[in-house]
Amino acid sequence: MIMSRILLLILIFISFPGCKKASDKIIGIKIYDYSGDYNKLVSVWEEMGINTAFVSTSLAADKNFRAALRSKGISVYIIFPVFFNPEMLKTDSTLYAITNTGSKACEDWVNFVCPSRKIYRNGIKNQLSEFISALDPDGVSIDFIRQFVYWEKIYPDTDYSTIEKSCYCDSCIAGFSLKHDVKIPESCSTTAAKAEWLDNNHQVLWNAYRCELITSMVRELSEIAHSRKSDILVNLHIVPWKRDDFNKGGISIAGQDLDSMKSFTDYISPMCYSQMLDRDAEWISDVVKDMDLKAGGMVIPSIQVYPYYIERQYTTADFRSCTEEALKPPSQGVIFFSWPLFEKDSSRMRVVSEVFEQL
């Protein structure tokens, strides 16, 4: 009888999807530049339990940095921004995405290119191809793969109707009109008037078109990546909104349709920066569970390490709670944003080590 119970418990443990060891999960760190001793850095990461580095292409090109990572068996994903390109927009402002108010898609540091421009899209694909060939990463982490939205400043009580949407430029509207044989009335002489007419008369089709501009870019980049390295892994950075947030804002505002994008990626990473978004720790696991319903077994939340943007308290204990929530099933791991923020408070490094020891 006792032996039967033991066998039953073993079977339950093996079959239960949440029973995933910490060593089986992706434990990632985002880092864009570093000027210190690489070997000391990766030794600290090893002690913390970090097994994956999400890095800028410039850092990925540093041979000494890559050698240090290899010495500890740490995988490398290059962070690849797509429609965020302020440098390009400085040289050619005609590439700007346009919001429903008729203004350029720029707010603070967030500057977005229109997602329908074929020349730009082809250039981005060529760039990714060159990076993968030159840098030979284990994975590519595709960032800013969405319609323009400054989600980092959108809080729980925000009225969705006040959030600017894009892209309503002539290129996007012409593409939509041609695809669906839709003619906008001549009385709609301004971008704002055209946007209002499209949203009032063809909202479902218009949102689907905006999402397809993003999904098709995901597909094309994934195909390029795999043509250069067949076993490369693909991760997508996702706006951290649940399905019904902000009037289904993931689709209607950000243009990120998980149902269609999941076929072209291995992981999706919602940027669950709870403190800056004025959310609690439990919200992180709620987002993971919600997104897992559409992209099962693919969700790796990214969480912030240190207070950012707003004055809301974010103690070491808060960070511990966020780390624990981020790792709850069905999460496939956690990615920390970012290494410089750990250096502001080294006690948070110990928190990571302790949480993984408990697992």
Protein backbone atom coordinates (compact mmCIF):
# COMPACT_ATOMS: atom_id res chain seq x y z
CA MET A 1 0.00 0.00 0.00
CA ILE A 2 2.78 2.44 0.97
CA MET A 3 4.76 1.50 -2.14
CA SER A 4 1.68 2.18 -4.32
CA ARG A 5 1.29 5.63 -2.83
CA ILE A 6 4.95 6.41 -3.43
CA LEU A 7 4.67 5.32 -7.06
CA LEU A 8 1.54 7.43 -7.46
CA LEU A 9 3.31 10.50 -6.09
CA ILE A 10 6.23 9.93 -8.45
CA LEU A 11 3.88 9.69 -11.43
CA ILE A 12 2.08 12.87 -10.41
CA PHE A 13 5.39 14.70 -10.03
CA ILE A 14 6.60 13.59 -13.45
CA SER A 15 3.38 14.34 -15.29
CA PHE A 16 2.50 17.65 -13.65
CA PRO A 17 3.48 20.45 -16.08
CA GLY A 18 4.49 22.87 -13.35
CA CYS A 19 7.18 20.56 -11.97
CA LYS A 20 10.05 22.10 -13.87
CA LYS A 21 13.42 22.48 -12.17
CA ALA A 22 15.05 25.90 -12.04
CA SER A 23 17.90 24.49 -14.12
CA ASP A 24 15.40 23.67 -16.90
CA LYS A 25 14.12 27.23 -17.11
CA ILE A 26 15.64 30.18 -18.93
CA ILE A 27 17.11 32.47 -16.30
CA GLY A 28 18.12 35.52 -18.27
CA ILE A 29 19.79 38.87 -17.82
CA LYS A 30 19.53 41.85 -20.17
CA ILE A 31 22.73 43.81 -20.71
CA TYR A 32 23.56 46.36 -23.39
CA ASP A 33 27.12 47.42 -22.56
CA TYR A 34 29.77 46.70 -19.96
CA SER A 35 33.27 48.01 -19.27
CA GLY A 36 34.41 45.81 -16.37
CA ASP A 37 36.07 42.42 -16.07
CA TYR A 38 34.02 39.95 -18.09
CA ASN A 39 35.23 36.87 -16.22
CA LYS A 40 34.27 38.33 -12.86
CA LEU A 41 30.91 39.35 -14.29
CA VAL A 42 29.97 35.90 -15.56
CA SER A 43 31.21 34.30 -12.34
CA VAL A 44 28.69 36.43 -10.45
CA TRP A 45 26.02 35.42 -12.95
CA GLU A 46 26.86 31.77 -12.44
CA GLU A 47 26.46 32.17 -8.66
CA MET A 48 23.08 33.84 -9.21
CA GLY A 49 21.87 31.04 -11.47
CA ILE A 50 21.88 33.06 -14.72
CA ASN A 51 22.09 30.74 -17.73
CA THR A 52 21.16 33.08 -20.60
CA ALA A 53 22.37 36.56 -21.57
CA PHE A 54 20.23 38.86 -23.69
CA VAL A 55 22.72 41.30 -25.12
CA SER A 56 23.18 44.13 -27.61
CA THR A 57 24.76 43.27 -30.94
CA SER A 58 27.82 45.37 -30.06
CA LEU A 59 28.41 43.38 -26.88
CA ALA A 60 27.75 40.10 -28.69
CA ALA A 61 30.53 41.06 -31.11
CA ASP A 62 33.08 41.32 -28.29
CA LYS A 63 35.19 38.16 -28.50
CA ASN A 64 36.39 38.39 -24.90
CA PHE A 65 32.84 38.73 -23.62
CA ARG A 66 31.70 35.74 -25.66
CA ALA A 67 34.65 33.66 -24.43
CA ALA A 68 33.73 34.48 -20.83
CA LEU A 69 30.13 33.39 -21.45
CA ARG A 70 31.24 30.13 -23.05
CA SER A 71 33.44 29.35 -20.06
CA LYS A 72 30.29 29.25 -17.89
CA GLY A 73 27.97 27.69 -20.46
CA ILE A 74 25.81 30.82 -20.69
CA SER A 75 23.71 31.07 -23.86
CA VAL A 76 23.55 34.28 -25.90
CA TYR A 77 20.52 35.95 -27.46
CA ILE A 78 21.08 39.15 -29.42
CA ILE A 79 18.48 41.85 -28.74
CA PHE A 80 17.24 43.05 -32.10
CA PRO A 81 15.05 46.19 -32.21
CA VAL A 82 12.77 46.44 -35.24
CA PHE A 83 10.48 49.49 -35.51
CA PHE A 84 12.25 51.58 -32.85
CA ASN A 85 14.93 53.40 -34.82
CA PRO A 86 15.56 57.02 -33.77
CA GLU A 87 18.84 57.20 -35.70
CA MET A 88 17.17 56.24 -38.97
CA LEU A 89 14.34 58.70 -38.32
CA LYS A 90 16.86 61.51 -37.85
CA THR A 91 18.03 60.97 -41.41
CA ASP A 92 14.60 60.30 -42.93
CA SER A 93 11.62 61.63 -41.01
CA THR A 94 9.23 60.47 -43.76
CA LEU A 95 9.55 56.97 -42.27
CA TYR A 96 7.76 57.95 -39.04
CA ALA A 97 4.64 56.06 -38.10
CA ILE A 98 1.68 58.42 -37.75
CA THR A 99 -0.82 58.27 -34.90
CA ASN A 100 -4.59 58.66 -35.03
CA THR A 101 -4.15 62.32 -34.06
CA GLY A 102 -2.04 62.97 -37.14
CA SER A 103 1.19 63.39 -35.19
CA LYS A 104 4.49 61.56 -35.57
CA ALA A 105 4.83 58.41 -33.47
CA CYS A 106 7.26 59.83 -30.95
CA GLU A 107 6.95 60.34 -27.22
CA ASP A 108 9.93 60.99 -24.99
CA TRP A 109 12.60 58.50 -26.16
CA VAL A 110 10.16 56.26 -28.07
CA ASN A 111 10.38 56.94 -31.83
CA PHE A 112 8.74 54.48 -34.23
CA VAL A 113 9.08 53.70 -37.91
CA CYS A 114 5.95 52.89 -39.93
CA PRO A 115 5.66 49.08 -40.17
CA SER A 116 4.44 49.04 -43.79
CA ARG A 117 7.51 50.56 -45.50
CA LYS A 118 8.95 47.82 -47.70
CA ILE A 119 12.38 49.37 -48.13
CA TYR A 120 12.80 49.68 -44.37
CA ARG A 121 11.51 46.15 -43.72
CA ASN A 122 13.92 44.69 -46.28
CA GLY A 123 16.79 46.61 -44.71
CA ILE A 124 15.95 45.25 -41.26
CA LYS A 125 15.82 41.70 -42.59
CA ASN A 126 19.20 42.10 -44.25
CA GLN A 127 20.61 43.51 -41.03
CA LEU A 128 19.41 40.54 -38.99
CA SER A 129 20.84 38.14 -41.56
CA GLU A 130 24.24 39.82 -41.31
CA PHE A 131 24.19 39.83 -37.50
CA ILE A 132 23.41 36.13 -37.25
CA SER A 133 26.07 35.21 -39.80
CA ALA A 134 28.68 37.34 -38.06
CA LEU A 135 27.79 36.75 -34.40
CA ASP A 136 26.45 33.16 -34.38
CA PRO A 137 24.11 33.67 -31.40
CA ASP A 138 22.11 30.91 -29.74
CA GLY A 139 19.00 32.99 -30.12
CA VAL A 140 17.55 36.28 -31.30
CA SER A 141 15.30 38.36 -29.03
CA ILE A 142 13.14 40.54 -31.27
CA ASP A 143 12.29 43.85 -29.62
CA PHE A 144 9.95 46.72 -30.58
CA ILE A 145 8.01 44.37 -32.84
CA ARG A 146 4.70 46.18 -32.50
CA GLN A 147 2.73 49.24 -33.43
CA PHE A 148 3.78 52.42 -31.64
CA VAL A 149 2.70 52.73 -28.03
CA TYR A 150 4.55 54.16 -25.03
CA TRP A 151 3.22 51.40 -22.77
CA GLU A 152 5.76 52.13 -20.03
CA LYS A 153 3.69 55.18 -19.07
CA ILE A 154 0.25 53.59 -19.27
CA TYR A 155 -1.16 52.81 -15.83
CA PRO A 156 -4.08 50.59 -14.72
CA ASP A 157 -6.62 53.43 -14.54
CA THR A 158 -5.80 54.82 -18.01
CA ASP A 159 -8.82 55.32 -20.26
CA TYR A 160 -8.01 53.30 -23.40
CA SER A 161 -9.66 55.91 -25.63
CA THR A 162 -6.92 58.39 -24.66
CA ILE A 163 -4.09 56.11 -25.83
CA GLU A 164 -2.73 57.12 -29.23
CA LYS A 165 -2.73 54.41 -31.89
CA SER A 166 -0.77 53.96 -35.09
CA CYS A 167 -0.05 53.67 -37.90
CA TYR A 168 -2.38 55.88 -39.92
CA CYS A 169 0.13 57.13 -42.46
CA ASP A 170 -0.70 57.28 -46.18
CA SER A 171 1.27 54.07 -46.82
CA CYS A 172 -0.69 52.03 -44.27
CA ILE A 173 -4.07 53.42 -45.27
CA ALA A 174 -3.36 52.86 -48.97
CA GLY A 175 -2.30 49.27 -48.27
CA PHE A 176 -5.47 48.61 -46.30
CA SER A 177 -7.69 50.26 -48.93
CA LEU A 178 -6.15 48.17 -51.70
CA LYS A 179 -6.34 44.89 -49.79
CA HIS A 180 -9.96 45.28 -48.72
CA ASP A 181 -11.27 47.48 -51.54
CA VAL A 182 -12.20 50.21 -49.09
CA LYS A 183 -12.54 53.82 -50.22
CA ILE A 184 -12.27 56.51 -47.58
CA PRO A 185 -14.74 59.38 -48.15
CA GLU A 186 -13.27 62.54 -49.67
CA SER A 187 -14.74 64.47 -46.76
CA CYS A 188 -12.07 62.86 -44.54
CA SER A 189 -9.35 65.32 -45.45
CA THR A 190 -7.13 64.98 -42.36
CA THR A 191 -5.34 62.02 -40.82
CA ALA A 192 -7.46 62.36 -37.68
CA ALA A 193 -10.65 62.25 -39.75
CA LYS A 194 -9.46 59.20 -41.70
CA ALA A 195 -8.50 57.45 -38.46
CA GLU A 196 -11.89 58.14 -36.91
CA TRP A 197 -13.69 56.87 -40.03
CA LEU A 198 -11.62 53.67 -40.18
CA ASP A 199 -12.14 52.96 -36.47
CA ASN A 200 -15.88 53.60 -36.71
CA ASN A 201 -16.56 51.73 -39.96
CA HIS A 202 -13.93 49.00 -40.35
CA GLN A 203 -12.48 48.48 -36.88
CA VAL A 204 -12.17 44.68 -37.01
CA LEU A 205 -10.60 44.62 -40.48
CA TRP A 206 -8.38 47.59 -39.70
CA ASN A 207 -7.05 46.02 -36.50
CA ALA A 208 -6.45 42.74 -38.32
CA TYR A 209 -4.51 44.61 -41.01
CA ARG A 210 -2.39 46.43 -38.42
CA CYS A 211 -1.68 43.12 -36.64
CA GLU A 212 -0.74 41.42 -39.92
CA LEU A 213 1.90 44.09 -40.57
CA ILE A 214 3.51 43.02 -37.29
CA THR A 215 2.95 39.26 -37.64
CA SER A 216 4.33 39.20 -41.18
CA MET A 217 7.48 40.94 -39.94
CA VAL A 218 7.83 38.33 -37.19
CA ARG A 219 7.43 35.57 -39.78
CA GLU A 220 9.95 37.08 -42.18
CA LEU A 221 12.54 37.71 -39.48
CA SER A 222 12.09 34.19 -38.12
CA GLU A 223 12.56 32.74 -41.59
CA ILE A 224 15.70 34.81 -42.14
CA ALA A 225 17.09 33.75 -38.76
CA HIS A 226 16.51 30.05 -39.42
CA SER A 227 17.91 30.28 -42.94
CA ARG A 228 21.18 31.46 -41.42
CA LYS A 229 21.15 29.09 -38.44
CA SER A 230 18.63 26.27 -38.44
CA ASP A 231 18.62 25.65 -34.69
CA ILE A 232 18.47 29.29 -33.59
CA LEU A 233 15.82 30.16 -30.98
CA VAL A 234 13.50 33.14 -31.36
CA ASN A 235 12.05 35.24 -28.55
CA LEU A 236 9.56 38.11 -28.89
CA HIS A 237 9.26 41.09 -26.56
CA ILE A 238 5.55 41.59 -25.81
CA VAL A 239 3.58 44.49 -24.30
CA PRO A 240 2.46 43.20 -20.85
CA TRP A 241 -1.27 43.49 -21.32
CA LYS A 242 -3.75 40.72 -20.67
CA ARG A 243 -6.37 39.94 -23.32
CA ASP A 244 -9.03 42.37 -22.10
CA ASP A 245 -6.75 45.18 -20.89
CA PHE A 246 -7.41 48.57 -22.48
CA ASN A 247 -10.19 47.29 -24.74
CA LYS A 248 -8.12 44.32 -25.98
CA GLY A 249 -5.21 46.71 -26.38
CA GLY A 250 -2.68 44.02 -27.21
CA ILE A 251 -4.40 43.77 -30.60
CA SER A 252 -6.25 47.08 -30.99
CA ILE A 253 -3.33 49.26 -29.86
CA ALA A 254 -0.04 47.32 -29.92
CA GLY A 255 -0.95 45.17 -32.92
CA GLN A 256 0.46 42.02 -31.30
CA ASP A 257 -1.71 39.01 -32.05
CA LEU A 258 -0.28 36.07 -30.08
CA ASP A 259 -2.48 33.59 -31.91
CA SER A 260 -0.79 34.41 -35.20
CA MET A 261 2.72 35.22 -33.98
CA LYS A 262 3.28 32.13 -31.86
CA SER A 263 3.85 29.92 -34.92
CA PHE A 264 7.05 31.77 -35.73
CA THR A 265 8.71 31.95 -32.33
CA ASP A 266 9.94 29.74 -29.51
CA TYR A 267 9.25 32.13 -26.64
CA ILE A 268 7.30 35.26 -25.91
CA SER A 269 8.48 37.61 -23.20
CA PRO A 270 5.95 40.05 -21.73
CA MET A 271 7.79 42.99 -20.18
CA CYS A 272 6.19 42.77 -16.74
CA TYR A 273 7.83 45.81 -15.16
CA SER A 274 5.44 45.98 -12.25
CA GLN A 275 6.83 48.89 -10.25
CA MET A 276 7.02 51.32 -13.18
CA LEU A 277 3.51 50.30 -14.26
CA ASP A 278 2.08 50.69 -10.74
CA ARG A 279 1.18 46.99 -10.45
CA ASP A 280 1.68 44.45 -7.68
CA ALA A 281 3.79 41.29 -7.81
CA GLU A 282 0.82 38.95 -8.35
CA TRP A 283 0.01 40.79 -11.58
CA ILE A 284 3.15 39.24 -13.12
CA SER A 285 1.93 35.66 -12.73
CA ASP A 286 -1.54 36.75 -13.89
CA VAL A 287 -0.04 38.05 -17.16
CA VAL A 288 1.92 34.82 -17.63
CA LYS A 289 -1.17 32.66 -17.10
CA ASP A 290 -3.25 34.83 -19.42
CA MET A 291 -0.70 34.72 -22.26
CA ASP A 292 -0.08 31.01 -21.76
CA LEU A 293 -3.70 30.39 -22.77
CA LYS A 294 -2.76 31.53 -26.28
CA ALA A 295 0.92 30.61 -26.37
CA GLY A 296 1.14 27.54 -24.15
CA GLY A 297 4.56 26.69 -22.77
CA MET A 298 6.20 29.72 -24.38
CA VAL A 299 5.97 32.53 -21.82
CA ILE A 300 9.07 33.95 -20.11
CA PRO A 301 8.27 37.17 -18.23
CA SER A 302 10.84 39.93 -18.05
CA ILE A 303 10.81 41.79 -14.72
CA GLN A 304 12.53 44.91 -13.46
CA VAL A 305 15.24 44.80 -10.83
CA TYR A 306 15.21 48.30 -9.37
CA PRO A 307 12.79 51.29 -9.16
CA TYR A 308 12.32 53.07 -12.48
CA TYR A 309 10.29 55.96 -13.92
CA ILE A 310 7.92 56.58 -11.02
CA GLU A 311 8.40 57.15 -7.30
CA ARG A 312 6.54 54.08 -6.15
CA GLN A 313 8.44 52.02 -3.55
CA TYR A 314 10.19 48.88 -4.82
CA THR A 315 12.11 47.28 -1.96
CA THR A 316 14.32 44.21 -2.00
CA ALA A 317 11.39 42.29 -0.53
CA ASP A 318 9.18 43.53 -3.37
CA PHE A 319 11.76 42.34 -5.88
CA ARG A 320 11.85 38.92 -4.20
CA SER A 321 8.06 38.65 -4.50
CA CYS A 322 8.21 39.63 -8.17
CA THR A 323 10.89 37.02 -8.88
CA GLU A 324 8.85 34.32 -7.15
CA GLU A 325 5.68 35.31 -9.00
CA ALA A 326 7.53 35.38 -12.33
CA LEU A 327 8.66 31.78 -11.83
CA LYS A 328 5.26 30.32 -10.96
CA PRO A 329 3.87 27.78 -13.45
CA PRO A 330 3.30 27.96 -16.35
CA SER A 331 6.28 30.33 -16.65
CA GLN A 332 9.27 29.03 -18.61
CA GLY A 333 11.70 31.16 -16.64
CA VAL A 334 12.46 34.81 -15.99
CA ILE A 335 14.51 37.57 -17.60
CA PHE A 336 15.89 40.39 -15.46
CA PHE A 337 15.95 43.99 -16.68
CA SER A 338 18.75 44.81 -16.41
CA TRP A 339 22.30 44.23 -15.18
CA PRO A 340 23.16 47.89 -14.35
CA LEU A 341 20.15 47.94 -12.02
CA PHE A 342 21.56 44.99 -10.06
CA GLU A 343 24.74 47.02 -9.60
CA LYS A 344 22.71 49.76 -7.92
CA ASP A 345 21.80 47.32 -5.14
CA SER A 346 23.88 44.15 -4.83
CA SER A 347 21.47 42.71 -2.23
CA ARG A 348 19.13 41.94 -5.12
CA MET A 349 21.74 39.59 -6.57
CA ARG A 350 21.52 37.55 -3.38
CA VAL A 351 17.75 37.49 -3.67
CA VAL A 352 18.01 35.76 -7.05
CA SER A 353 20.44 33.15 -5.70
CA GLU A 354 18.22 32.47 -2.69
CA VAL A 355 15.04 32.12 -4.75
CA PHE A 356 16.68 29.57 -7.05
CA GLU A 357 18.14 27.66 -4.11
CA GLN A 358 14.59 27.31 -2.76
CA LEU A 359 13.43 25.95 -6.11
